[in-house]
């Protein structure tokens, strides 16, 4: 699963994702945890940034305060699950990130690792989003991150990884037409391991309240 990520270069979102409403002066987030409100890229007439809460609340939910709010959706089953299937037509989005965390279990310990794309300070996870309407008319926008089987680099730590989109696939994912099943499998595939790097980091990342560069500082070096 993907339960923590970072978004450090927020001021560059406008140029990187060609949105018409860039965020200016927003604060970098080194330790994004579930229920955080984060920028997500959606396709309207043009790509635009929308602030959404991490943890999907489907539109048919009666009470979000007690509902299950999945932070991840498995690529292999989203086309069949009632919670996710409709969103393949109407709720595809890009989740900007600078890196993400996964934990390796060694005995009784869980060691956090931070994964990045060297040379790519900003990239995008494939996401799905929905809008829940409250009885008073207020809207709640929420999203989930799609995961796939781990590539060889991730497999050393965890058996799943977030779907990282190539730039070409970013455009395909945001296009007006939903991907056909064969295209869906190609788009939601593991990112190439040679294009990624990982470092062991401090277990400070386990604490959502710690949101500074200490959580991404390497304990040793690139692996």
N, C-alpha and C. Protein backbone atom coordinates (compact mmCIF):
# COMPACT_ATOMS: atom_id res chain seq x y z
N UNK A 1 0.84 -1.19 0.00
CA UNK A 1 0.00 0.00 0.00
C UNK A 1 0.87 1.24 0.00
N UNK A 2 0.27 2.37 -0.19
CA UNK A 2 0.98 3.65 -0.08
C UNK A 2 0.27 4.45 1.00
N UNK A 3 0.94 4.61 2.15
CA UNK A 3 0.31 5.28 3.27
C UNK A 3 0.94 6.59 3.68
N UNK A 4 2.03 6.97 3.01
CA UNK A 4 2.68 8.26 3.26
C UNK A 4 3.38 8.68 1.97
N UNK A 5 3.36 9.98 1.69
CA UNK A 5 4.16 10.49 0.57
C UNK A 5 4.56 11.93 0.85
N UNK A 6 5.35 12.51 -0.03
CA UNK A 6 5.79 13.90 0.13
C UNK A 6 5.44 14.69 -1.12
N UNK A 7 5.27 15.99 -0.94
CA UNK A 7 5.08 16.92 -2.05
C UNK A 7 5.84 18.18 -1.69
N UNK A 8 7.03 18.29 -2.27
CA UNK A 8 7.97 19.31 -1.82
C UNK A 8 7.99 20.54 -2.73
N UNK A 9 7.84 20.35 -4.02
CA UNK A 9 7.99 21.46 -4.97
C UNK A 9 6.62 22.02 -5.38
N UNK A 10 5.82 22.42 -4.41
CA UNK A 10 4.44 22.81 -4.70
C UNK A 10 4.37 24.01 -5.63
N UNK A 11 5.30 24.95 -5.51
CA UNK A 11 5.26 26.14 -6.37
C UNK A 11 5.47 25.80 -7.84
N UNK A 12 6.01 24.63 -8.14
CA UNK A 12 6.26 24.24 -9.53
C UNK A 12 5.11 23.44 -10.14
N UNK A 13 4.03 23.22 -9.40
CA UNK A 13 2.93 22.41 -9.92
C UNK A 13 2.36 22.98 -11.20
N UNK A 14 2.22 24.31 -11.27
CA UNK A 14 1.60 24.93 -12.44
C UNK A 14 2.34 24.61 -13.72
N UNK A 15 3.67 24.80 -13.70
CA UNK A 15 4.46 24.52 -14.90
C UNK A 15 4.53 23.02 -15.19
N UNK A 16 4.74 22.23 -14.16
CA UNK A 16 4.93 20.79 -14.38
C UNK A 16 3.69 20.14 -14.97
N UNK A 17 2.52 20.52 -14.50
CA UNK A 17 1.29 19.85 -14.94
C UNK A 17 0.41 20.73 -15.84
N UNK A 18 0.94 21.88 -16.24
CA UNK A 18 0.28 22.76 -17.22
C UNK A 18 -1.14 23.13 -16.79
N UNK A 19 -1.28 23.48 -15.52
CA UNK A 19 -2.59 23.87 -15.01
C UNK A 19 -2.76 25.38 -15.11
N UNK A 20 -4.00 25.82 -15.17
CA UNK A 20 -4.25 27.25 -15.32
C UNK A 20 -4.46 27.95 -13.98
N UNK A 21 -4.47 27.20 -12.88
CA UNK A 21 -4.67 27.80 -11.55
C UNK A 21 -3.57 27.33 -10.60
N UNK A 22 -2.31 27.70 -10.85
CA UNK A 22 -1.20 27.22 -10.02
C UNK A 22 -1.33 27.69 -8.57
N UNK A 23 -0.73 26.91 -7.67
CA UNK A 23 -0.70 27.28 -6.26
C UNK A 23 0.56 28.11 -6.01
N UNK A 24 0.39 29.29 -5.47
CA UNK A 24 1.51 30.19 -5.21
C UNK A 24 1.70 30.31 -3.70
N UNK A 25 2.95 30.08 -3.26
CA UNK A 25 3.26 30.27 -1.85
C UNK A 25 2.78 29.16 -0.94
N UNK A 26 2.33 28.04 -1.49
CA UNK A 26 1.89 26.93 -0.65
C UNK A 26 3.08 26.27 0.03
N UNK A 27 2.85 25.67 1.17
CA UNK A 27 3.92 25.08 1.95
C UNK A 27 4.20 23.64 1.51
N UNK A 28 5.48 23.31 1.41
CA UNK A 28 5.85 21.94 1.09
C UNK A 28 5.37 20.99 2.19
N UNK A 29 5.02 19.76 1.77
CA UNK A 29 4.59 18.74 2.73
C UNK A 29 5.56 17.57 2.61
N UNK A 30 6.30 17.33 3.68
CA UNK A 30 7.28 16.25 3.67
C UNK A 30 6.68 14.92 4.12
N UNK A 31 5.56 14.98 4.83
CA UNK A 31 4.99 13.78 5.44
C UNK A 31 3.47 13.83 5.29
N UNK A 32 3.00 13.53 4.09
CA UNK A 32 1.56 13.56 3.82
C UNK A 32 0.94 12.27 4.36
N UNK A 33 0.00 12.41 5.26
CA UNK A 33 -0.67 11.26 5.88
C UNK A 33 -2.13 11.22 5.45
N UNK A 34 -2.78 10.06 5.59
CA UNK A 34 -4.21 9.99 5.28
C UNK A 34 -5.00 11.07 6.01
N UNK A 35 -6.03 11.56 5.35
CA UNK A 35 -6.91 12.65 5.82
C UNK A 35 -6.30 14.03 5.59
N UNK A 36 -5.07 14.09 5.05
CA UNK A 36 -4.50 15.39 4.69
C UNK A 36 -5.25 15.97 3.50
N UNK A 37 -5.33 17.29 3.45
CA UNK A 37 -5.91 17.97 2.29
C UNK A 37 -4.76 18.36 1.37
N UNK A 38 -4.79 17.85 0.14
CA UNK A 38 -3.68 18.00 -0.77
C UNK A 38 -4.14 18.40 -2.17
N UNK A 39 -3.24 19.01 -2.96
CA UNK A 39 -3.59 19.34 -4.35
C UNK A 39 -3.63 18.11 -5.24
N UNK A 40 -4.65 18.04 -6.06
CA UNK A 40 -4.86 16.95 -7.01
C UNK A 40 -5.18 17.59 -8.36
N UNK A 41 -4.71 16.97 -9.45
CA UNK A 41 -4.95 17.51 -10.79
C UNK A 41 -6.14 16.80 -11.42
N UNK A 42 -7.13 17.59 -11.85
CA UNK A 42 -8.31 17.04 -12.51
C UNK A 42 -8.46 17.69 -13.88
N UNK A 43 -9.17 17.02 -14.75
CA UNK A 43 -9.39 17.53 -16.11
C UNK A 43 -10.78 18.16 -16.20
N UNK A 44 -10.83 19.46 -16.37
CA UNK A 44 -12.08 20.15 -16.68
C UNK A 44 -11.97 20.55 -18.15
N UNK A 45 -12.22 21.82 -18.48
CA UNK A 45 -11.92 22.26 -19.85
C UNK A 45 -10.42 22.21 -20.08
N UNK A 46 -9.67 22.49 -19.00
CA UNK A 46 -8.21 22.36 -19.00
C UNK A 46 -7.83 21.71 -17.67
N UNK A 47 -6.60 21.17 -17.59
CA UNK A 47 -6.19 20.62 -16.30
C UNK A 47 -6.19 21.71 -15.22
N UNK A 48 -6.66 21.37 -14.04
CA UNK A 48 -6.67 22.34 -12.95
C UNK A 48 -6.43 21.65 -11.63
N UNK A 49 -5.97 22.44 -10.65
CA UNK A 49 -5.71 21.93 -9.31
C UNK A 49 -6.98 22.03 -8.47
N UNK A 50 -7.27 20.96 -7.75
CA UNK A 50 -8.36 20.97 -6.77
C UNK A 50 -7.80 20.44 -5.45
N UNK A 51 -8.17 21.05 -4.35
CA UNK A 51 -7.76 20.57 -3.04
C UNK A 51 -8.73 19.48 -2.59
N UNK A 52 -8.18 18.33 -2.21
CA UNK A 52 -9.00 17.20 -1.81
C UNK A 52 -8.40 16.52 -0.59
N UNK A 53 -9.24 15.79 0.11
CA UNK A 53 -8.81 15.04 1.29
C UNK A 53 -8.45 13.62 0.88
N UNK A 54 -7.33 13.13 1.42
CA UNK A 54 -6.86 11.78 1.07
C UNK A 54 -7.63 10.74 1.87
N UNK A 55 -8.36 9.89 1.15
CA UNK A 55 -9.22 8.86 1.75
C UNK A 55 -10.60 8.98 1.13
N UNK A 56 -10.91 8.09 0.20
CA UNK A 56 -12.08 8.25 -0.66
C UNK A 56 -13.40 8.09 0.10
N UNK A 57 -14.28 9.06 -0.09
CA UNK A 57 -15.66 8.99 0.41
C UNK A 57 -16.58 8.97 -0.81
N UNK A 58 -17.16 7.82 -1.17
CA UNK A 58 -18.03 7.76 -2.34
C UNK A 58 -19.26 8.65 -2.18
N UNK A 59 -19.79 9.09 -3.29
CA UNK A 59 -20.93 10.02 -3.26
C UNK A 59 -22.17 9.42 -2.61
N UNK A 60 -22.27 8.08 -2.60
CA UNK A 60 -23.45 7.45 -2.01
C UNK A 60 -23.32 7.18 -0.52
N UNK A 61 -22.22 7.62 0.09
CA UNK A 61 -22.00 7.43 1.52
C UNK A 61 -23.05 8.21 2.33
N UNK A 62 -23.61 7.56 3.35
CA UNK A 62 -24.60 8.24 4.19
C UNK A 62 -23.95 9.13 5.24
N UNK A 63 -22.89 8.62 5.88
CA UNK A 63 -22.25 9.37 6.96
C UNK A 63 -20.73 9.23 6.85
N UNK A 64 -20.04 10.24 6.29
CA UNK A 64 -18.58 10.13 6.13
C UNK A 64 -17.83 9.96 7.44
N UNK A 65 -18.41 10.40 8.54
CA UNK A 65 -17.69 10.32 9.81
C UNK A 65 -17.46 8.89 10.27
N UNK A 66 -18.29 7.95 9.80
CA UNK A 66 -18.13 6.55 10.21
C UNK A 66 -17.82 5.64 9.02
N UNK A 67 -17.77 6.18 7.83
CA UNK A 67 -17.55 5.37 6.63
C UNK A 67 -16.09 4.97 6.48
N UNK A 68 -15.87 3.83 5.85
CA UNK A 68 -14.52 3.42 5.47
C UNK A 68 -14.03 4.36 4.38
N UNK A 69 -12.78 4.82 4.49
CA UNK A 69 -12.23 5.79 3.54
C UNK A 69 -10.93 5.24 2.97
N UNK A 70 -10.99 4.42 1.95
CA UNK A 70 -9.77 3.78 1.43
C UNK A 70 -8.79 4.80 0.86
N UNK A 71 -7.54 4.69 1.29
CA UNK A 71 -6.50 5.57 0.76
C UNK A 71 -5.86 4.98 -0.49
N UNK A 72 -6.09 3.68 -0.72
CA UNK A 72 -5.54 2.99 -1.89
C UNK A 72 -6.62 2.18 -2.59
N UNK A 73 -6.42 1.97 -3.90
CA UNK A 73 -7.29 1.11 -4.69
C UNK A 73 -6.40 0.22 -5.55
N UNK A 74 -6.63 -1.08 -5.52
CA UNK A 74 -5.80 -2.01 -6.27
C UNK A 74 -6.12 -1.93 -7.76
N UNK A 75 -5.09 -1.75 -8.58
CA UNK A 75 -5.29 -1.62 -10.02
C UNK A 75 -5.98 -2.83 -10.61
N UNK A 76 -5.71 -4.00 -10.06
CA UNK A 76 -6.24 -5.24 -10.62
C UNK A 76 -7.75 -5.37 -10.47
N UNK A 77 -8.33 -4.64 -9.52
CA UNK A 77 -9.76 -4.85 -9.22
C UNK A 77 -10.62 -3.61 -9.34
N UNK A 78 -10.06 -2.47 -9.72
CA UNK A 78 -10.88 -1.25 -9.73
C UNK A 78 -12.00 -1.31 -10.76
N UNK A 79 -11.80 -2.07 -11.83
CA UNK A 79 -12.84 -2.14 -12.87
C UNK A 79 -14.05 -2.95 -12.41
N UNK A 80 -13.91 -3.74 -11.33
CA UNK A 80 -15.01 -4.57 -10.86
C UNK A 80 -15.66 -4.04 -9.58
N UNK A 81 -14.93 -3.29 -8.77
CA UNK A 81 -15.46 -2.89 -7.47
C UNK A 81 -16.43 -1.72 -7.60
N UNK A 82 -17.62 -1.83 -7.00
CA UNK A 82 -18.62 -0.77 -7.13
C UNK A 82 -18.14 0.59 -6.63
N UNK A 83 -17.24 0.61 -5.65
CA UNK A 83 -16.75 1.88 -5.14
C UNK A 83 -15.90 2.62 -6.16
N UNK A 84 -15.16 1.86 -6.99
CA UNK A 84 -14.18 2.47 -7.89
C UNK A 84 -14.60 2.48 -9.36
N UNK A 85 -15.34 1.47 -9.77
CA UNK A 85 -15.66 1.32 -11.20
C UNK A 85 -16.26 2.57 -11.83
N UNK A 86 -17.26 3.22 -11.23
CA UNK A 86 -17.83 4.42 -11.86
C UNK A 86 -16.82 5.55 -12.02
N UNK A 87 -15.82 5.58 -11.14
CA UNK A 87 -14.85 6.68 -11.17
C UNK A 87 -13.87 6.55 -12.33
N UNK A 88 -13.77 5.36 -12.92
CA UNK A 88 -12.92 5.22 -14.10
C UNK A 88 -13.46 6.07 -15.25
N UNK A 89 -14.75 6.37 -15.23
CA UNK A 89 -15.33 7.22 -16.27
C UNK A 89 -15.31 8.69 -15.89
N UNK A 90 -15.55 8.98 -14.61
CA UNK A 90 -15.79 10.38 -14.22
C UNK A 90 -14.82 10.93 -13.19
N UNK A 91 -13.94 10.08 -12.63
CA UNK A 91 -13.15 10.54 -11.50
C UNK A 91 -11.68 10.21 -11.55
N UNK A 92 -11.09 10.23 -12.74
CA UNK A 92 -9.65 9.98 -12.82
C UNK A 92 -8.89 11.28 -12.50
N UNK A 93 -7.79 11.15 -11.77
CA UNK A 93 -7.02 12.34 -11.40
C UNK A 93 -5.55 11.99 -11.27
N UNK A 94 -4.73 13.03 -11.21
CA UNK A 94 -3.30 12.89 -10.94
C UNK A 94 -3.04 13.37 -9.52
N UNK A 95 -2.25 12.61 -8.79
CA UNK A 95 -1.87 13.00 -7.43
C UNK A 95 -0.39 13.37 -7.45
N UNK A 96 -0.06 14.66 -7.45
CA UNK A 96 1.34 15.07 -7.52
C UNK A 96 2.12 14.64 -6.28
N UNK A 97 3.37 14.26 -6.50
CA UNK A 97 4.23 13.81 -5.40
C UNK A 97 5.68 14.08 -5.75
N UNK A 98 6.51 14.10 -4.72
CA UNK A 98 7.96 14.19 -4.89
C UNK A 98 8.65 12.90 -4.46
N UNK A 99 7.96 12.09 -3.69
CA UNK A 99 8.48 10.81 -3.22
C UNK A 99 7.44 10.14 -2.35
N UNK A 100 7.73 8.90 -1.94
CA UNK A 100 6.78 8.19 -1.08
C UNK A 100 7.54 7.22 -0.19
N UNK A 101 6.86 6.76 0.85
CA UNK A 101 7.47 5.92 1.87
C UNK A 101 6.84 4.53 1.87
N UNK A 102 7.67 3.53 2.12
CA UNK A 102 7.20 2.18 2.40
C UNK A 102 8.06 1.62 3.53
N UNK A 103 7.51 0.63 4.23
CA UNK A 103 8.18 0.08 5.40
C UNK A 103 8.56 -1.38 5.16
N UNK A 104 9.78 -1.72 5.55
CA UNK A 104 10.27 -3.09 5.46
C UNK A 104 10.26 -3.72 6.85
N UNK A 105 9.64 -4.88 6.95
CA UNK A 105 9.57 -5.57 8.24
C UNK A 105 10.81 -6.44 8.42
N UNK A 106 11.53 -6.20 9.51
CA UNK A 106 12.69 -7.01 9.87
C UNK A 106 12.53 -7.43 11.33
N UNK A 107 12.10 -8.67 11.53
CA UNK A 107 11.82 -9.11 12.89
C UNK A 107 10.65 -8.33 13.46
N UNK A 108 10.87 -7.67 14.59
CA UNK A 108 9.83 -6.85 15.21
C UNK A 108 9.90 -5.39 14.77
N UNK A 109 10.86 -5.08 13.93
CA UNK A 109 11.04 -3.69 13.51
C UNK A 109 10.43 -3.45 12.13
N UNK A 110 10.00 -2.22 11.91
CA UNK A 110 9.59 -1.78 10.58
C UNK A 110 10.46 -0.59 10.20
N UNK A 111 11.25 -0.77 9.15
CA UNK A 111 12.22 0.25 8.74
C UNK A 111 11.63 1.04 7.57
N UNK A 112 11.50 2.37 7.70
CA UNK A 112 10.95 3.16 6.60
C UNK A 112 11.99 3.44 5.52
N UNK A 113 11.54 3.37 4.29
CA UNK A 113 12.36 3.74 3.13
C UNK A 113 11.62 4.81 2.34
N UNK A 114 12.41 5.70 1.74
CA UNK A 114 11.86 6.79 0.94
C UNK A 114 12.25 6.56 -0.51
N UNK A 115 11.25 6.57 -1.39
CA UNK A 115 11.46 6.29 -2.81
C UNK A 115 11.26 7.56 -3.64
N UNK A 116 12.17 7.77 -4.59
CA UNK A 116 12.09 8.95 -5.45
C UNK A 116 12.39 8.55 -6.89
N UNK A 117 12.19 9.53 -7.78
CA UNK A 117 12.58 9.39 -9.19
C UNK A 117 13.69 10.41 -9.43
N UNK A 118 14.96 10.01 -9.40
CA UNK A 118 16.05 10.97 -9.60
C UNK A 118 15.86 11.76 -10.89
N UNK A 119 16.02 13.07 -10.80
CA UNK A 119 15.82 13.93 -11.96
C UNK A 119 14.39 14.35 -12.17
N UNK A 120 13.47 13.82 -11.37
CA UNK A 120 12.04 14.18 -11.47
C UNK A 120 11.56 14.67 -10.11
N UNK A 121 11.73 15.96 -9.82
CA UNK A 121 11.32 16.47 -8.51
C UNK A 121 9.81 16.42 -8.28
N UNK A 122 9.05 16.34 -9.37
CA UNK A 122 7.61 16.17 -9.29
C UNK A 122 7.18 15.07 -10.26
N UNK A 123 6.33 14.18 -9.81
CA UNK A 123 5.73 13.18 -10.68
C UNK A 123 4.29 12.99 -10.23
N UNK A 124 3.59 12.02 -10.79
CA UNK A 124 2.17 11.86 -10.46
C UNK A 124 1.81 10.41 -10.24
N UNK A 125 1.07 10.16 -9.17
CA UNK A 125 0.40 8.88 -8.98
C UNK A 125 -0.92 8.90 -9.75
N UNK A 126 -1.37 7.74 -10.18
CA UNK A 126 -2.73 7.61 -10.72
C UNK A 126 -3.70 7.58 -9.56
N UNK A 127 -4.74 8.41 -9.65
CA UNK A 127 -5.72 8.47 -8.57
C UNK A 127 -7.14 8.46 -9.08
N UNK A 128 -8.06 8.27 -8.16
CA UNK A 128 -9.50 8.37 -8.42
C UNK A 128 -10.09 9.30 -7.37
N UNK A 129 -11.08 10.08 -7.78
CA UNK A 129 -11.70 11.00 -6.81
C UNK A 129 -13.21 10.98 -6.95
N UNK A 130 -13.87 11.46 -5.90
CA UNK A 130 -15.32 11.56 -5.90
C UNK A 130 -15.73 12.78 -5.08
N UNK A 131 -16.97 13.20 -5.26
CA UNK A 131 -17.52 14.35 -4.55
C UNK A 131 -18.75 13.91 -3.76
N UNK A 132 -18.69 14.11 -2.45
CA UNK A 132 -19.82 13.81 -1.58
C UNK A 132 -20.55 15.10 -1.24
N UNK A 133 -21.85 15.10 -1.40
CA UNK A 133 -22.66 16.27 -1.10
C UNK A 133 -23.33 16.11 0.26
N UNK A 134 -23.06 17.06 1.15
CA UNK A 134 -23.71 17.05 2.46
C UNK A 134 -25.15 17.55 2.34
N UNK A 135 -26.01 17.18 3.29
CA UNK A 135 -27.39 17.66 3.25
C UNK A 135 -27.51 19.18 3.21
N UNK A 136 -26.52 19.88 3.78
CA UNK A 136 -26.59 21.35 3.77
C UNK A 136 -26.05 21.95 2.48
N UNK A 137 -25.66 21.08 1.52
CA UNK A 137 -25.20 21.57 0.23
C UNK A 137 -23.70 21.68 0.10
N UNK A 138 -22.96 21.56 1.21
CA UNK A 138 -21.50 21.60 1.13
C UNK A 138 -20.96 20.34 0.47
N UNK A 139 -19.81 20.50 -0.19
CA UNK A 139 -19.19 19.38 -0.91
C UNK A 139 -17.91 18.94 -0.22
N UNK A 140 -17.65 17.65 -0.26
CA UNK A 140 -16.40 17.08 0.23
C UNK A 140 -15.75 16.33 -0.91
N UNK A 141 -14.57 16.80 -1.34
CA UNK A 141 -13.82 16.14 -2.41
C UNK A 141 -12.74 15.28 -1.78
N UNK A 142 -12.69 14.01 -2.19
CA UNK A 142 -11.73 13.07 -1.63
C UNK A 142 -11.11 12.23 -2.75
N UNK A 143 -9.95 11.63 -2.45
CA UNK A 143 -9.25 10.84 -3.48
C UNK A 143 -8.60 9.62 -2.87
N UNK A 144 -8.27 8.69 -3.75
CA UNK A 144 -7.51 7.50 -3.38
C UNK A 144 -6.40 7.30 -4.40
N UNK A 145 -5.31 6.66 -3.99
CA UNK A 145 -4.16 6.40 -4.86
C UNK A 145 -4.20 4.95 -5.31
N UNK A 146 -4.04 4.73 -6.61
CA UNK A 146 -4.07 3.38 -7.16
C UNK A 146 -2.72 2.70 -6.95
N UNK A 147 -2.75 1.43 -6.58
CA UNK A 147 -1.52 0.66 -6.38
C UNK A 147 -1.46 -0.53 -7.33
N UNK A 148 -0.24 -1.02 -7.53
CA UNK A 148 -0.01 -2.18 -8.40
C UNK A 148 1.04 -3.07 -7.74
N UNK A 149 1.38 -4.17 -8.40
CA UNK A 149 2.46 -5.02 -7.90
C UNK A 149 3.76 -4.22 -7.85
N UNK A 150 4.59 -4.55 -6.89
CA UNK A 150 5.87 -3.86 -6.74
C UNK A 150 6.82 -4.21 -7.87
N UNK A 151 7.63 -3.24 -8.28
CA UNK A 151 8.74 -3.54 -9.19
C UNK A 151 9.88 -4.14 -8.37
N UNK A 152 10.98 -4.59 -9.00
CA UNK A 152 12.04 -5.25 -8.23
C UNK A 152 12.63 -4.41 -7.11
N UNK A 153 12.74 -3.09 -7.31
CA UNK A 153 13.29 -2.23 -6.25
C UNK A 153 12.35 -2.19 -5.05
N UNK A 154 11.07 -2.01 -5.32
CA UNK A 154 10.09 -1.96 -4.23
C UNK A 154 9.93 -3.31 -3.56
N UNK A 155 10.05 -4.39 -4.36
CA UNK A 155 9.82 -5.73 -3.82
C UNK A 155 10.79 -6.08 -2.71
N UNK A 156 11.92 -5.39 -2.64
CA UNK A 156 12.86 -5.60 -1.54
C UNK A 156 12.29 -5.11 -0.21
N UNK A 157 11.25 -4.28 -0.30
CA UNK A 157 10.67 -3.65 0.89
C UNK A 157 9.22 -4.05 1.10
N UNK A 158 8.43 -4.06 0.01
CA UNK A 158 6.98 -4.26 0.11
C UNK A 158 6.50 -4.90 -1.18
N UNK A 159 5.34 -5.57 -1.13
CA UNK A 159 4.85 -6.26 -2.33
C UNK A 159 3.94 -5.39 -3.20
N UNK A 160 3.66 -4.16 -2.77
CA UNK A 160 2.83 -3.24 -3.55
C UNK A 160 3.54 -1.90 -3.69
N UNK A 161 3.11 -1.13 -4.68
CA UNK A 161 3.63 0.22 -4.87
C UNK A 161 2.55 1.08 -5.49
N UNK A 162 2.63 2.41 -5.31
CA UNK A 162 1.68 3.28 -5.99
C UNK A 162 1.95 3.28 -7.49
N UNK A 163 0.90 3.44 -8.28
CA UNK A 163 1.08 3.56 -9.73
C UNK A 163 1.64 4.94 -10.03
N UNK A 164 2.87 4.97 -10.55
CA UNK A 164 3.50 6.21 -10.99
C UNK A 164 3.33 6.29 -12.50
N UNK A 165 2.76 7.38 -12.96
CA UNK A 165 2.47 7.52 -14.39
C UNK A 165 3.64 8.15 -15.13
N UNK A 166 3.95 7.62 -16.31
CA UNK A 166 4.86 8.32 -17.19
C UNK A 166 4.16 9.59 -17.67
N UNK A 167 4.91 10.52 -18.23
CA UNK A 167 4.28 11.77 -18.68
C UNK A 167 3.26 11.51 -19.78
N UNK A 168 3.56 10.57 -20.64
CA UNK A 168 2.60 10.22 -21.69
C UNK A 168 1.33 9.65 -21.07
N UNK A 169 1.49 8.81 -20.07
CA UNK A 169 0.32 8.20 -19.44
C UNK A 169 -0.44 9.18 -18.55
N UNK A 170 0.23 10.23 -18.09
CA UNK A 170 -0.51 11.28 -17.37
C UNK A 170 -1.60 11.85 -18.27
N UNK A 171 -1.23 12.16 -19.52
CA UNK A 171 -2.21 12.71 -20.46
C UNK A 171 -3.31 11.70 -20.76
N UNK A 172 -2.94 10.44 -20.93
CA UNK A 172 -3.95 9.42 -21.20
C UNK A 172 -4.91 9.26 -20.02
N UNK A 173 -4.37 9.29 -18.82
CA UNK A 173 -5.21 9.11 -17.64
C UNK A 173 -6.19 10.26 -17.45
N UNK A 174 -5.77 11.47 -17.82
CA UNK A 174 -6.64 12.63 -17.65
C UNK A 174 -7.55 12.88 -18.85
N UNK A 175 -7.37 12.14 -19.92
CA UNK A 175 -8.15 12.41 -21.14
C UNK A 175 -9.64 12.24 -20.88
N UNK A 176 -10.45 12.83 -21.74
CA UNK A 176 -11.90 12.78 -21.57
C UNK A 176 -12.44 11.35 -21.71
N UNK A 177 -11.80 10.54 -22.53
CA UNK A 177 -12.28 9.18 -22.79
C UNK A 177 -11.64 8.20 -21.80
N UNK A 178 -12.44 7.40 -21.10
CA UNK A 178 -11.86 6.42 -20.17
C UNK A 178 -11.05 5.38 -20.92
N UNK A 179 -9.94 4.92 -20.32
CA UNK A 179 -9.10 3.92 -20.99
C UNK A 179 -9.84 2.60 -21.20
N UNK A 180 -9.62 1.99 -22.36
CA UNK A 180 -10.15 0.65 -22.61
C UNK A 180 -9.38 -0.35 -21.74
N UNK A 181 -9.95 -1.51 -21.45
CA UNK A 181 -9.28 -2.47 -20.56
C UNK A 181 -7.83 -2.78 -20.93
N UNK A 182 -7.50 -3.01 -22.22
CA UNK A 182 -6.08 -3.28 -22.52
C UNK A 182 -5.19 -2.09 -22.20
N UNK A 183 -5.68 -0.87 -22.46
CA UNK A 183 -4.90 0.33 -22.14
C UNK A 183 -4.78 0.51 -20.64
N UNK A 184 -5.83 0.17 -19.92
CA UNK A 184 -5.81 0.32 -18.47
C UNK A 184 -4.69 -0.50 -17.85
N UNK A 185 -4.52 -1.73 -18.32
CA UNK A 185 -3.46 -2.59 -17.79
C UNK A 185 -2.08 -2.01 -18.09
N UNK A 186 -1.92 -1.40 -19.26
CA UNK A 186 -0.61 -0.81 -19.60
C UNK A 186 -0.33 0.45 -18.80
N UNK A 187 -1.36 1.26 -18.59
CA UNK A 187 -1.18 2.52 -17.87
C UNK A 187 -0.89 2.27 -16.39
N UNK A 188 -1.61 1.32 -15.80
CA UNK A 188 -1.51 1.08 -14.35
C UNK A 188 -0.50 -0.02 -14.05
N UNK A 189 0.65 0.07 -14.66
CA UNK A 189 1.71 -0.94 -14.51
C UNK A 189 2.82 -0.41 -13.60
N UNK A 190 3.64 -1.30 -13.04
CA UNK A 190 4.74 -0.86 -12.19
C UNK A 190 5.71 0.04 -12.94
N UNK A 191 6.17 1.09 -12.28
CA UNK A 191 7.15 1.99 -12.88
C UNK A 191 8.50 1.28 -12.94
N UNK A 192 9.31 1.56 -13.97
CA UNK A 192 10.59 0.85 -14.11
C UNK A 192 11.51 1.07 -12.90
N UNK A 193 12.00 -0.01 -12.34
CA UNK A 193 12.87 0.08 -11.17
C UNK A 193 14.16 0.86 -11.43
N UNK A 194 14.81 0.72 -12.62
CA UNK A 194 16.06 1.45 -12.83
C UNK A 194 15.90 2.97 -12.79
N UNK A 195 14.68 3.47 -12.95
CA UNK A 195 14.44 4.92 -12.94
C UNK A 195 14.13 5.44 -11.55
N UNK A 196 14.24 4.56 -10.54
CA UNK A 196 13.89 4.95 -9.17
C UNK A 196 15.08 4.76 -8.24
N UNK A 197 14.99 5.38 -7.07
CA UNK A 197 16.01 5.22 -6.03
C UNK A 197 15.32 5.10 -4.68
N UNK A 198 16.00 4.46 -3.73
CA UNK A 198 15.44 4.36 -2.38
C UNK A 198 16.53 4.61 -1.35
N UNK A 199 16.11 5.18 -0.21
CA UNK A 199 17.01 5.40 0.91
C UNK A 199 16.28 5.03 2.19
N UNK A 200 17.01 4.48 3.14
CA UNK A 200 16.46 4.28 4.48
C UNK A 200 16.39 5.63 5.18
N UNK A 201 15.28 5.88 5.88
CA UNK A 201 15.10 7.16 6.56
C UNK A 201 14.69 6.94 8.01
N UNK A 202 14.62 8.03 8.75
CA UNK A 202 14.29 7.98 10.17
C UNK A 202 12.85 7.53 10.40
N UNK A 203 12.63 6.85 11.52
CA UNK A 203 11.26 6.47 11.86
C UNK A 203 10.43 7.65 12.38
N UNK A 204 10.98 8.85 12.30
CA UNK A 204 10.18 10.04 12.58
C UNK A 204 8.98 10.13 11.64
N UNK A 205 9.11 9.53 10.46
CA UNK A 205 8.00 9.58 9.50
C UNK A 205 6.77 8.85 10.04
N UNK A 206 6.95 7.99 11.03
CA UNK A 206 5.81 7.30 11.62
C UNK A 206 4.87 8.26 12.35
N UNK A 207 5.37 9.46 12.66
CA UNK A 207 4.57 10.43 13.40
C UNK A 207 4.04 11.49 12.44
N UNK A 208 2.74 11.48 12.13
CA UNK A 208 2.20 12.43 11.15
C UNK A 208 2.47 13.89 11.49
N UNK A 209 2.64 14.18 12.78
CA UNK A 209 2.88 15.56 13.17
C UNK A 209 4.27 16.06 12.82
N UNK A 210 5.19 15.16 12.49
CA UNK A 210 6.54 15.57 12.08
C UNK A 210 6.53 15.78 10.58
N UNK A 211 6.57 17.02 10.16
CA UNK A 211 6.42 17.36 8.74
C UNK A 211 7.51 18.32 8.33
N UNK A 212 8.74 17.82 8.31
CA UNK A 212 9.87 18.63 7.87
C UNK A 212 10.90 17.72 7.21
N UNK A 213 12.00 18.31 6.77
CA UNK A 213 12.95 17.56 5.94
C UNK A 213 13.64 16.42 6.68
N UNK A 214 13.51 16.36 7.98
CA UNK A 214 14.13 15.25 8.72
C UNK A 214 13.56 13.90 8.29
N UNK A 215 12.30 13.87 7.85
CA UNK A 215 11.68 12.57 7.53
C UNK A 215 12.18 12.01 6.21
N UNK A 216 12.81 12.83 5.36
CA UNK A 216 13.33 12.33 4.09
C UNK A 216 14.86 12.30 4.06
N UNK A 217 15.49 12.67 5.16
CA UNK A 217 16.95 12.70 5.22
C UNK A 217 17.49 11.27 5.26
N UNK A 218 18.40 10.90 4.34
CA UNK A 218 18.92 9.53 4.31
C UNK A 218 19.68 9.17 5.58
N UNK A 219 19.44 7.98 6.07
CA UNK A 219 20.23 7.50 7.19
C UNK A 219 21.61 7.06 6.72
N UNK A 220 21.67 6.52 5.50
CA UNK A 220 22.93 6.02 4.96
C UNK A 220 23.16 6.68 3.60
N UNK A 221 22.78 6.00 2.52
CA UNK A 221 22.93 6.54 1.18
C UNK A 221 21.94 5.88 0.25
N UNK A 222 21.99 6.26 -1.02
CA UNK A 222 21.09 5.67 -2.00
C UNK A 222 21.36 4.18 -2.14
N UNK A 223 20.29 3.42 -2.30
CA UNK A 223 20.41 1.96 -2.47
C UNK A 223 19.97 1.61 -3.87
